[in-house]
Amino acid sequence: MGILNITLKKFLYDRHLNYSKEKVKKLQNKKFNKLLKYAYQNSSFYNRLYKNEGIEYKDLDNIKLKNLPIVNKKKIMDNFNDVLTINNIKKNDIVKFIENNPNPKKMYKNKYFVVHSSGTTGEIGYYIYSNKNWELLKAVGSSRLFDSFSLKSKKYVFIGAVDGHYAGISFFLSPVNKIEQLFYEDFLIIDINYPLDSYINKLNEFQPDIISCYPSALDILLDYQKDKKLDINPEHIICGGEPLSIRVVNKVKKHWNISPYNFYGTSESILMGVGIGNDDIYIFDDLVIVEIKDEKIMLTNLYNYTQPLIRYEINDLMSKSNTENIKWPFNHVEKISGRSEDLLWLKNNDNEYDFIHPIVLVELHLKGVQRYQLIKLSDEKIKIKVVKQKTADKTAIENNVKYKFETIFEKKI
């Protein structure tokens, strides 16, 4: 990953912020047409899918997005190898890589970033990003997740799920030990599955400039700040993974005199949009196309040619904004929901309540498991139901699931 490439991409994408809405739409259509043709010619899955719908290559210049068939996670995962436009990546190898290399900094074949997620559906998904994709996301993020881009190094804190190839931690850690480390004066990783009070002294000593976290974790930190156990004054707060409530926004303003960034991303496209405080979320129309339906959205990722996602169904709920678009020439939405799972509160060994964050469960990778469901039976007992992969051994799955959850719960003791 090169700083010069990132700087160039930043310059090119910064220009889009000054485009007219019509010019952005034209750019989006051009990118969509290019992606569609590439997928048709290089992905056997999309070639077969479209031909079965009577769509020929000659039709692609005039076809409308809404007339293309919809795909979902199950369909993409069931046809994983055929979806990819390169032949040297296979699903079985990706699964083995995830299982054997939990370090989120590790790249597959030293060329590809891999993230995984089960999402609210419980269906495990694997998503491949080329180094070129990653450079683009870093470039766009530097401009749109902060008020101003600066070469000055900062002290960063990440609070979230950290023990696997989750999108958040993978994106956060990827610059470390590379040229981009010039932007990092220092960084602190906080595992959301450990009690946050065990990190308060570290945070006070560290004095972070930028904190990236879930809104629920931010809410807890602000309570410590209110009680004067925490004494920090960050410049930026970036929230994601959950809905950001007005209550938490107001707490941030009260205690730190800043407005948090409300970041919207998914494993399928790590950057999809951002808002500030209680403002609308601006969808990055130069990176993605988002179609809003009653109970879902459809994502078309315009930059990932390795694993094309065209009209890909996601169970997030959006409402179009009625306010005037005054900041960027992008579509903007009032709210995003559908990922507001509750914290799982259970009693620990001291008979005190502690929580398991839903992201830990939503993005958990279980070897041999196709999907799973967690059921809370009481404050001290849970039940886990799994659908195993066809070739997986039942006893091995039981042992692995037991080990994974024991590891999670041990952090809470």
Protein backbone atom coordinates (compact mmCIF):
# COMPACT_ATOMS: atom_id res chain seq x y z
CA MET A 1 0.00 0.00 0.00
CA GLY A 2 1.60 3.26 -1.10
CA ILE A 3 1.14 6.71 0.34
CA LEU A 4 1.51 8.27 -3.12
CA ASN A 5 -1.32 6.16 -4.52
CA ILE A 6 -3.54 7.03 -1.58
CA THR A 7 -2.75 10.74 -1.93
CA LEU A 8 -3.55 10.66 -5.66
CA LYS A 9 -6.84 8.84 -5.10
CA LYS A 10 -7.71 11.28 -2.33
CA PHE A 11 -7.15 14.21 -4.70
CA LEU A 12 -9.29 12.61 -7.43
CA TYR A 13 -12.19 11.72 -5.12
CA ASP A 14 -12.08 15.05 -3.30
CA ARG A 15 -13.11 16.65 -6.58
CA HIS A 16 -16.39 14.73 -6.51
CA LEU A 17 -17.46 16.69 -3.43
CA ASN A 18 -17.68 19.80 -5.60
CA TYR A 19 -19.55 18.16 -8.48
CA SER A 20 -23.16 18.90 -9.23
CA LYS A 21 -25.64 16.17 -8.36
CA GLU A 22 -26.17 15.58 -12.07
CA LYS A 23 -22.44 15.14 -12.65
CA VAL A 24 -22.20 12.66 -9.77
CA LYS A 25 -25.08 10.68 -11.27
CA LYS A 26 -23.34 10.62 -14.63
CA LEU A 27 -20.13 9.41 -12.98
CA GLN A 28 -22.06 6.75 -11.08
CA ASN A 29 -23.72 5.49 -14.26
CA LYS A 30 -20.38 5.32 -16.05
CA LYS A 31 -18.85 3.30 -13.21
CA PHE A 32 -21.86 1.01 -13.07
CA ASN A 33 -21.74 0.28 -16.79
CA LYS A 34 -18.02 -0.48 -16.62
CA LEU A 35 -18.49 -2.81 -13.63
CA LEU A 36 -21.46 -4.56 -15.23
CA LYS A 37 -19.54 -5.33 -18.44
CA TYR A 38 -16.53 -6.53 -16.48
CA ALA A 39 -18.64 -8.84 -14.32
CA TYR A 40 -20.47 -10.19 -17.38
CA GLN A 41 -17.19 -11.09 -19.08
CA ASN A 42 -15.12 -12.21 -16.08
CA SER A 43 -17.52 -13.69 -13.50
CA SER A 44 -19.09 -16.96 -14.59
CA PHE A 45 -21.79 -16.49 -11.94
CA TYR A 46 -23.00 -13.16 -13.29
CA ASN A 47 -22.62 -14.29 -16.90
CA ARG A 48 -24.84 -17.28 -16.19
CA LEU A 49 -27.29 -15.27 -14.06
CA TYR A 50 -27.82 -12.61 -16.69
CA LYS A 51 -27.99 -14.98 -19.63
CA ASN A 52 -30.69 -16.93 -17.79
CA GLU A 53 -32.63 -13.65 -17.67
CA GLY A 54 -32.16 -13.20 -21.41
CA ILE A 55 -29.59 -10.42 -20.99
CA GLU A 56 -26.84 -10.41 -23.61
CA TYR A 57 -23.62 -8.39 -23.56
CA LYS A 58 -24.97 -6.10 -26.30
CA ASP A 59 -27.84 -5.14 -23.97
CA LEU A 60 -25.64 -3.81 -21.18
CA ASP A 61 -25.23 -0.25 -22.45
CA ASN A 62 -28.96 0.37 -22.23
CA ILE A 63 -30.13 -1.86 -19.40
CA LYS A 64 -31.38 -0.22 -16.21
CA LEU A 65 -30.16 -1.31 -12.80
CA LYS A 66 -33.70 -2.02 -11.61
CA ASN A 67 -34.11 -4.60 -14.40
CA LEU A 68 -31.21 -6.73 -13.20
CA PRO A 69 -31.88 -9.71 -10.88
CA ILE A 70 -31.28 -9.33 -7.14
CA VAL A 71 -28.67 -11.42 -5.33
CA ASN A 72 -28.20 -12.07 -1.62
CA LYS A 73 -25.53 -13.36 0.75
CA LYS A 74 -26.57 -17.00 0.45
CA LYS A 75 -26.51 -16.92 -3.33
CA ILE A 76 -23.12 -15.17 -3.41
CA MET A 77 -21.61 -17.55 -0.83
CA ASP A 78 -23.08 -20.66 -2.48
CA ASN A 79 -21.46 -19.56 -5.76
CA PHE A 80 -18.39 -17.96 -4.20
CA ASN A 81 -15.76 -19.30 -6.62
CA ASP A 82 -17.83 -18.46 -9.68
CA VAL A 83 -18.61 -14.93 -8.45
CA LEU A 84 -14.91 -14.06 -8.24
CA THR A 85 -13.26 -12.69 -11.37
CA ILE A 86 -9.89 -14.29 -10.60
CA ASN A 87 -9.03 -17.98 -10.52
CA ASN A 88 -6.44 -18.11 -7.74
CA ILE A 89 -8.88 -17.67 -4.84
CA LYS A 90 -11.17 -20.46 -3.67
CA LYS A 91 -13.71 -20.39 -0.88
CA ASN A 92 -12.23 -23.39 0.94
CA ASP A 93 -8.84 -21.69 0.99
CA ILE A 94 -10.38 -18.47 2.34
CA VAL A 95 -12.13 -20.40 5.12
CA LYS A 96 -8.86 -22.11 6.07
CA PHE A 97 -7.05 -18.77 5.99
CA ILE A 98 -9.59 -17.20 8.35
CA GLU A 99 -9.43 -20.16 10.72
CA ASN A 100 -5.63 -20.36 10.78
CA ASN A 101 -4.83 -16.64 10.72
CA PRO A 102 -7.00 -14.72 13.21
CA ASN A 103 -4.65 -11.71 13.09
CA PRO A 104 -6.64 -9.02 11.22
CA LYS A 105 -3.41 -7.55 9.78
CA LYS A 106 -2.63 -10.76 7.90
CA MET A 107 -3.34 -10.57 4.15
CA TYR A 108 -4.36 -13.55 2.07
CA LYS A 109 -1.43 -14.45 -0.22
CA ASN A 110 0.02 -11.08 0.86
CA LYS A 111 -2.26 -9.51 -1.76
CA TYR A 112 -5.84 -9.47 -0.52
CA PHE A 113 -7.66 -8.20 2.55
CA VAL A 114 -10.35 -10.61 3.72
CA VAL A 115 -13.19 -9.70 6.07
CA HIS A 116 -15.93 -11.94 7.36
CA SER A 117 -19.31 -11.37 8.89
CA SER A 118 -22.42 -13.36 9.68
CA GLY A 119 -24.61 -10.28 9.97
CA THR A 120 -28.11 -10.34 11.42
CA THR A 121 -29.04 -13.31 9.20
CA GLY A 122 -26.48 -15.63 10.81
CA GLU A 123 -25.20 -16.60 7.34
CA ILE A 124 -21.40 -16.33 7.28
CA GLY A 125 -20.02 -14.17 4.49
CA TYR A 126 -16.48 -13.70 3.18
CA TYR A 127 -15.50 -10.55 1.29
CA ILE A 128 -12.30 -10.00 -0.68
CA TYR A 129 -10.64 -6.62 -1.19
CA SER A 130 -7.63 -6.04 -3.41
CA ASN A 131 -4.84 -3.75 -2.31
CA LYS A 132 -6.14 -1.26 -4.90
CA ASN A 133 -9.58 -1.33 -3.23
CA TRP A 134 -7.99 -0.73 0.18
CA GLU A 135 -5.98 2.24 -1.06
CA LEU A 136 -9.15 3.80 -2.45
CA LEU A 137 -11.05 3.31 0.82
CA LYS A 138 -8.17 4.80 2.82
CA ALA A 139 -8.09 7.80 0.49
CA VAL A 140 -11.82 8.46 0.66
CA GLY A 141 -11.93 7.86 4.41
CA SER A 142 -9.19 10.41 5.08
CA SER A 143 -11.34 13.15 3.54
CA ARG A 144 -14.85 12.21 4.58
CA LEU A 145 -14.45 10.91 8.13
CA PHE A 146 -12.68 14.04 9.35
CA ASP A 147 -13.23 17.79 9.08
CA SER A 148 -9.79 18.24 7.56
CA PHE A 149 -7.04 15.99 6.32
CA SER A 150 -3.66 16.52 7.92
CA LEU A 151 -0.25 14.92 7.72
CA LYS A 152 0.16 15.49 11.45
CA SER A 153 0.40 12.20 13.30
CA LYS A 154 -2.34 11.42 15.82
CA LYS A 155 -3.01 9.07 18.70
CA TYR A 156 -5.80 6.66 17.79
CA VAL A 157 -8.02 4.38 19.84
CA PHE A 158 -10.10 1.57 18.39
CA ILE A 159 -12.82 -0.03 20.55
CA GLY A 160 -14.49 -3.05 19.05
CA ALA A 161 -14.23 -6.71 18.11
CA VAL A 162 -10.51 -7.28 17.54
CA ASP A 163 -9.74 -11.01 17.47
CA GLY A 164 -10.53 -11.80 13.84
CA HIS A 165 -10.86 -10.44 10.32
CA TYR A 166 -13.70 -8.08 11.16
CA ALA A 167 -14.07 -5.10 8.86
CA GLY A 168 -13.51 -2.43 11.52
CA ILE A 169 -10.29 -3.70 13.07
CA SER A 170 -8.88 -4.82 9.70
CA PHE A 171 -9.40 -1.35 8.27
CA PHE A 172 -8.01 0.33 11.39
CA LEU A 173 -4.84 -1.76 11.66
CA SER A 174 -3.92 -2.05 7.99
CA PRO A 175 -1.63 1.03 7.93
CA VAL A 176 0.43 -0.16 10.90
CA ASN A 177 4.03 -1.14 10.04
CA LYS A 178 3.66 0.39 6.58
CA ILE A 179 4.39 3.83 5.16
CA GLU A 180 1.02 5.03 6.42
CA GLN A 181 2.25 4.61 9.99
CA LEU A 182 3.48 8.20 9.61
CA PHE A 183 -0.13 9.18 10.40
CA TYR A 184 -0.04 7.21 13.65
CA GLU A 185 1.79 8.78 16.56
CA ASP A 186 0.52 5.86 18.61
CA PHE A 187 -2.54 3.65 18.84
CA LEU A 188 -4.45 1.71 21.47
CA ILE A 189 -6.63 -1.31 20.75
CA ILE A 190 -9.49 -2.01 23.18
CA ASP A 191 -11.28 -5.34 22.95
CA ILE A 192 -15.00 -4.65 23.39
CA ASN A 193 -15.38 -8.05 24.99
CA TYR A 194 -13.27 -7.06 27.99
CA PRO A 195 -14.87 -4.84 30.67
CA LEU A 196 -14.33 -1.23 29.59
CA ASP A 197 -13.51 -0.15 33.13
CA SER A 198 -10.26 -2.12 32.86
CA TYR A 199 -9.10 0.35 30.18
CA ILE A 200 -9.95 3.64 31.89
CA ASN A 201 -6.48 4.20 33.34
CA LYS A 202 -4.89 3.35 29.99
CA LEU A 203 -7.14 5.87 28.24
CA ASN A 204 -6.26 8.58 30.76
CA GLU A 205 -2.56 7.93 30.21
CA PHE A 206 -2.90 7.67 26.45
CA GLN A 207 -4.98 10.84 25.87
CA PRO A 208 -6.30 9.91 22.41
CA ASP A 209 -6.87 12.38 19.59
CA ILE A 210 -9.27 10.12 17.67
CA ILE A 211 -11.57 7.37 18.95
CA SER A 212 -13.31 4.86 16.69
CA CYS A 213 -15.98 2.81 18.47
CA TYR A 214 -19.54 1.54 18.66
CA PRO A 215 -22.11 4.03 20.02
CA SER A 216 -22.86 1.70 22.95
CA ALA A 217 -19.19 1.73 23.97
CA LEU A 218 -19.08 5.50 23.56
CA ASP A 219 -22.10 5.83 25.85
CA ILE A 220 -20.27 3.89 28.57
CA LEU A 221 -17.10 5.97 28.18
CA LEU A 222 -19.12 9.15 28.55
CA ASP A 223 -20.53 7.90 31.85
CA TYR A 224 -16.97 7.49 33.12
CA GLN A 225 -16.19 11.00 31.85
CA LYS A 226 -19.25 12.33 33.66
CA ASP A 227 -18.15 10.64 36.90
CA LYS A 228 -14.65 12.13 36.45
CA LYS A 229 -13.03 8.71 36.34
CA LEU A 230 -12.15 9.34 32.71
CA ASP A 231 -10.42 12.59 31.77
CA ILE A 232 -9.76 12.80 28.02
CA ASN A 233 -10.50 15.37 25.33
CA PRO A 234 -10.53 13.73 21.87
CA GLU A 235 -10.61 15.79 18.66
CA HIS A 236 -12.72 13.31 16.68
CA ILE A 237 -15.14 10.50 17.43
CA ILE A 238 -16.07 8.03 14.69
CA CYS A 239 -19.05 5.79 15.45
CA GLY A 240 -20.25 2.82 13.44
CA GLY A 241 -21.77 -0.64 13.61
CA GLU A 242 -24.91 0.52 15.45
CA PRO A 243 -27.45 3.34 15.24
CA LEU A 244 -26.15 6.56 16.83
CA SER A 245 -28.86 8.01 19.04
CA ILE A 246 -29.56 11.70 19.63
CA ARG A 247 -29.02 11.06 23.35
CA VAL A 248 -25.43 9.86 22.80
CA VAL A 249 -24.73 12.69 20.35
CA ASN A 250 -25.83 15.23 22.96
CA LYS A 251 -23.67 13.57 25.62
CA VAL A 252 -20.62 13.86 23.35
CA LYS A 253 -21.34 17.54 22.74
CA LYS A 254 -21.80 18.17 26.46
CA HIS A 255 -18.64 16.46 27.69
CA TRP A 256 -16.24 16.91 24.76
CA ASN A 257 -17.74 19.81 22.82
CA ILE A 258 -17.59 17.97 19.47
CA SER A 259 -20.06 16.17 17.23
CA PRO A 260 -19.37 12.49 16.54
CA TYR A 261 -19.18 11.16 13.01
CA ASN A 262 -21.95 8.69 12.23
CA PHE A 263 -20.15 6.27 9.92
CA TYR A 264 -22.05 3.76 7.78
CA GLY A 265 -20.25 0.75 6.38
CA THR A 266 -20.71 -2.98 5.92
CA SER A 267 -18.43 -5.94 5.33
CA GLU A 268 -19.63 -5.83 1.71
CA SER A 269 -18.45 -2.22 1.34
CA ILE A 270 -16.51 -0.87 4.26
CA LEU A 271 -17.23 2.76 3.33
CA MET A 272 -20.80 3.57 2.34
CA GLY A 273 -21.63 6.91 3.95
CA VAL A 274 -21.22 9.29 6.85
CA GLY A 275 -23.06 11.98 8.75
CA ILE A 276 -22.12 14.31 11.58
CA GLY A 277 -24.01 14.24 14.85
CA ASN A 278 -27.76 14.25 14.26
CA ASP A 279 -27.40 15.23 10.60
CA ASP A 280 -28.42 13.03 7.69
CA ILE A 281 -26.05 10.35 6.44
CA TYR A 282 -24.61 11.07 3.01
CA ILE A 283 -24.27 7.95 0.88
CA PHE A 284 -21.01 7.86 -1.09
CA ASP A 285 -22.58 7.73 -4.53
CA ASP A 286 -19.16 7.70 -6.19
CA LEU A 287 -18.33 4.39 -4.44
CA VAL A 288 -21.67 2.59 -4.25
CA ILE A 289 -25.24 2.57 -5.51
CA VAL A 290 -27.83 2.06 -2.78
CA GLU A 291 -31.42 1.29 -3.75
CA ILE A 292 -33.84 1.85 -0.89
CA LYS A 293 -36.78 -0.53 -0.56
CA ASP A 294 -39.42 -0.94 2.15
CA GLU A 295 -37.65 -3.55 4.25
CA LYS A 296 -34.15 -3.71 2.80
CA ILE A 297 -31.61 -2.05 0.57
CA MET A 298 -29.74 -3.25 -2.49
CA LEU A 299 -26.04 -2.49 -2.70
CA THR A 300 -24.01 -2.25 -5.87
CA ASN A 301 -20.32 -1.91 -5.04
CA LEU A 302 -18.79 0.19 -7.82
CA TYR A 303 -15.09 -0.33 -6.99
CA ASN A 304 -14.68 -4.04 -6.16
CA TYR A 305 -13.95 -5.87 -9.40
CA THR A 306 -12.50 -8.92 -7.63
CA GLN A 307 -15.79 -9.93 -6.01
CA PRO A 308 -18.56 -8.02 -7.79
CA LEU A 309 -21.69 -7.31 -5.76
CA ILE A 310 -24.47 -6.04 -8.00
CA ARG A 311 -27.95 -5.48 -6.55
CA TYR A 312 -26.90 -7.29 -3.38
CA GLU A 313 -29.61 -7.46 -0.74
CA ILE A 314 -28.85 -6.16 2.78
CA ASN A 315 -31.33 -6.14 5.66
CA ASP A 316 -30.75 -2.51 6.62
CA LEU A 317 -33.65 -0.08 6.74
CA MET A 318 -33.28 3.43 5.34
CA SER A 319 -35.50 6.45 4.91
CA LYS A 320 -34.78 9.07 2.29
CA SER A 321 -34.27 12.53 3.70
CA ASN A 322 -36.67 15.34 2.94
CA THR A 323 -34.17 18.05 3.89
CA GLU A 324 -32.35 20.08 1.30
CA ASN A 325 -29.02 18.61 0.26
CA ILE A 326 -26.57 21.33 1.24
CA LYS A 327 -23.22 19.68 2.04
CA TRP A 328 -22.28 17.17 -0.65
CA PRO A 329 -23.88 16.30 -4.00
CA PHE A 330 -24.81 12.83 -2.78
CA ASN A 331 -28.05 11.15 -1.80
CA HIS A 332 -28.69 11.38 1.91
CA VAL A 333 -30.88 9.43 4.30
CA GLU A 334 -32.52 10.22 7.61
CA LYS A 335 -31.67 7.05 9.42
CA ILE A 336 -30.31 3.56 9.10
CA SER A 337 -31.62 0.71 11.21
CA GLY A 338 -31.84 -3.05 11.08
CA ARG A 339 -28.57 -3.51 12.95
CA SER A 340 -29.66 -2.43 16.41
CA GLU A 341 -29.25 -5.74 18.23
CA ASP A 342 -29.33 -5.42 22.01
CA LEU A 343 -26.32 -6.00 24.20
CA LEU A 344 -26.41 -9.51 25.63
CA TRP A 345 -26.45 -9.01 29.40
CA LEU A 346 -25.43 -11.97 31.55
CA LYS A 347 -24.22 -12.49 35.11
CA ASN A 348 -20.50 -13.13 35.62
CA ASN A 349 -18.77 -15.17 38.33
CA ASP A 350 -19.18 -12.29 40.79
CA ASN A 351 -22.94 -12.35 40.22
CA GLU A 352 -22.65 -8.96 38.50
CA TYR A 353 -24.14 -8.09 35.14
CA ASP A 354 -21.80 -7.65 32.18
CA PHE A 355 -22.51 -7.56 28.46
CA ILE A 356 -21.42 -9.33 25.31
CA HIS A 357 -21.48 -6.85 22.45
CA PRO A 358 -23.67 -7.95 19.50
CA ILE A 359 -20.84 -7.27 17.02
CA VAL A 360 -18.82 -10.01 18.73
CA LEU A 361 -21.67 -12.42 18.03
CA VAL A 362 -22.71 -11.09 14.63
CA GLU A 363 -19.19 -11.30 13.21
CA LEU A 364 -18.05 -14.45 15.01
CA HIS A 365 -16.46 -17.06 12.75
CA LEU A 366 -17.20 -20.65 13.77
CA LYS A 367 -15.31 -23.40 11.96
CA GLY A 368 -17.61 -25.79 10.11
CA VAL A 369 -20.72 -23.71 10.82
CA GLN A 370 -22.85 -22.34 8.00
CA ARG A 371 -25.09 -20.28 10.31
CA TYR A 372 -25.97 -20.16 13.96
CA GLN A 373 -28.49 -18.75 16.41
CA LEU A 374 -27.93 -17.75 20.04
CA ILE A 375 -30.85 -17.96 22.46
CA LYS A 376 -30.74 -16.48 25.96
CA LEU A 377 -32.46 -18.86 28.38
CA SER A 378 -31.68 -16.93 31.58
CA ASP A 379 -29.18 -14.46 33.01
CA GLU A 380 -26.76 -17.35 33.44
CA LYS A 381 -27.53 -19.65 30.54
CA ILE A 382 -27.57 -19.50 26.74
CA LYS A 383 -28.35 -22.00 24.01
CA ILE A 384 -26.60 -22.12 20.64
CA LYS A 385 -28.21 -23.70 17.60
CA VAL A 386 -26.06 -24.28 14.51
CA VAL A 387 -26.45 -25.38 10.92
CA LYS A 388 -23.26 -27.23 10.04
CA GLN A 389 -21.53 -27.28 6.70
CA LYS A 390 -22.14 -30.51 4.79
CA THR A 391 -18.65 -31.94 5.20
CA ALA A 392 -18.09 -30.76 8.77
CA ASP A 393 -17.77 -33.18 11.68
CA LYS A 394 -20.47 -32.75 14.32
CA THR A 395 -18.20 -33.48 17.30
CA ALA A 396 -15.52 -31.10 16.00
CA ILE A 397 -18.14 -28.36 15.61
CA GLU A 398 -19.43 -28.88 19.15
CA ASN A 399 -15.91 -28.64 20.54
CA ASN A 400 -15.09 -25.56 18.46
CA VAL A 401 -18.31 -23.73 19.39
CA LYS A 402 -17.74 -24.54 23.05
CA TYR A 403 -14.13 -23.31 22.86
CA LYS A 404 -15.08 -20.07 21.07
CA PHE A 405 -17.76 -19.11 23.58
CA GLU A 406 -15.64 -20.11 26.56
CA THR A 407 -12.95 -17.78 25.20
CA ILE A 408 -15.49 -14.96 24.96
CA PHE A 409 -16.86 -15.52 28.46
CA GLU A 410 -13.40 -15.89 30.05
CA LYS A 411 -12.68 -12.28 29.13
CA LYS A 412 -15.60 -11.26 31.32
CA ILE A 413 -14.46 -13.11 34.43
